[in-house]
Amino acid sequence: MEKDKSRIKVEGVMQITEVIANLEKLAADMKAGLVTLAAGDESLTLRPSVLVNVDMKASQKKDKEKFALEISWKKHKEMDGFAGE
């Protein structure tokens, strides 16, 4: 059985205000039940499950600080005739 795999990655230097706007959009999207990430002319839409795995890490070195957030979930199988809210 072949696995479907799509990936979009956004990285680079941004102003903190842009990062905040992206995180606020992420929160709003998750409340709506969808997460869409776009890079150039490509986009990927995910549908988070009700239960998610969360991994948050923070580290501090002499001249660098880092915060990482990873959210993952298993795809849920939609029931026939169920139109989610």
Protein backbone atom coordinates (compact mmCIF):
# COMPACT_ATOMS: atom_id res chain seq x y z
CA MET A 1 0.00 0.00 0.00
CA GLU A 2 1.46 3.32 -1.07
CA LYS A 3 1.36 6.23 1.36
CA ASP A 4 0.22 9.67 0.22
CA LYS A 5 2.78 12.22 1.30
CA SER A 6 2.77 15.94 0.70
CA ARG A 7 5.01 18.49 2.32
CA ILE A 8 5.29 22.25 2.39
CA LYS A 9 7.96 24.02 4.36
CA VAL A 10 8.14 27.70 5.22
CA GLU A 11 11.34 28.98 6.74
CA GLY A 12 13.40 32.10 6.78
CA VAL A 13 13.84 35.34 8.66
CA MET A 14 10.63 37.24 9.50
CA GLN A 15 9.76 40.17 11.69
CA ILE A 16 8.19 39.08 14.98
CA THR A 17 4.94 40.82 13.99
CA GLU A 18 4.68 38.55 10.94
CA VAL A 19 5.35 35.48 13.10
CA ILE A 20 2.61 36.58 15.51
CA ALA A 21 0.17 37.09 12.61
CA ASN A 22 0.97 33.59 11.31
CA LEU A 23 0.42 32.05 14.76
CA GLU A 24 -2.86 33.93 15.20
CA LYS A 25 -4.03 32.68 11.78
CA LEU A 26 -3.00 29.16 12.77
CA ALA A 27 -5.08 29.38 15.96
CA ALA A 28 -8.11 30.70 14.04
CA ASP A 29 -7.72 27.99 11.38
CA MET A 30 -7.50 25.26 14.01
CA LYS A 31 -10.66 26.56 15.69
CA ALA A 32 -12.36 26.24 12.28
CA GLY A 33 -11.08 22.68 11.90
CA LEU A 34 -8.58 23.30 9.11
CA VAL A 35 -4.94 24.28 8.82
CA THR A 36 -3.70 25.62 5.49
CA LEU A 37 -0.07 26.38 4.75
CA ALA A 38 1.00 28.03 1.51
CA ALA A 39 4.43 28.53 0.01
CA GLY A 40 4.66 30.11 -3.41
CA ASP A 41 2.03 28.55 -5.65
CA GLU A 42 1.67 25.43 -3.50
CA SER A 43 -0.62 24.93 -0.53
CA LEU A 44 -1.56 22.10 1.78
CA THR A 45 -4.71 21.87 3.90
CA LEU A 46 -4.83 19.63 6.95
CA ARG A 47 -7.78 18.68 9.13
CA PRO A 48 -6.71 18.33 12.77
CA SER A 49 -8.26 15.64 14.89
CA VAL A 50 -9.98 16.39 18.19
CA LEU A 51 -6.99 14.94 20.06
CA VAL A 52 -3.50 16.03 19.03
CA ASN A 53 0.04 15.32 20.16
CA VAL A 54 1.92 18.45 21.22
CA ASP A 55 5.68 18.80 21.55
CA MET A 56 7.00 22.17 22.78
CA LYS A 57 10.68 22.79 23.39
CA ALA A 58 12.62 25.83 24.52
CA SER A 59 16.38 26.22 24.78
CA GLN A 60 18.79 28.97 25.64
CA LYS A 61 22.46 29.29 24.77
CA LYS A 62 24.90 32.12 25.25
CA ASP A 63 23.82 34.11 22.18
CA LYS A 64 20.80 32.18 20.85
CA GLU A 65 17.34 31.24 22.08
CA LYS A 66 15.01 28.77 20.42
CA PHE A 67 11.36 27.74 20.70
CA ALA A 68 9.92 24.84 18.70
CA LEU A 69 6.32 23.71 18.44
CA GLU A 70 5.16 20.51 16.77
CA ILE A 71 1.53 19.44 16.61
CA SER A 72 0.61 16.09 15.08
CA TRP A 73 -2.41 13.80 14.87
CA LYS A 74 -3.64 10.69 13.20
CA LYS A 75 -6.04 11.14 10.31
CA HIS A 76 -9.56 10.21 11.26
CA LYS A 77 -11.69 8.23 8.88
CA GLU A 78 -14.84 10.10 8.00
CA MET A 79 -18.07 8.24 8.41
CA ASP A 80 -20.29 7.86 5.35
CA GLY A 81 -22.87 10.61 5.26
CA PHE A 82 -21.19 12.62 8.04
CA ALA A 83 -20.62 16.22 7.06
CA GLY A 84 -18.55 17.45 10.06
CA GLU A 85 -19.15 20.86 11.57
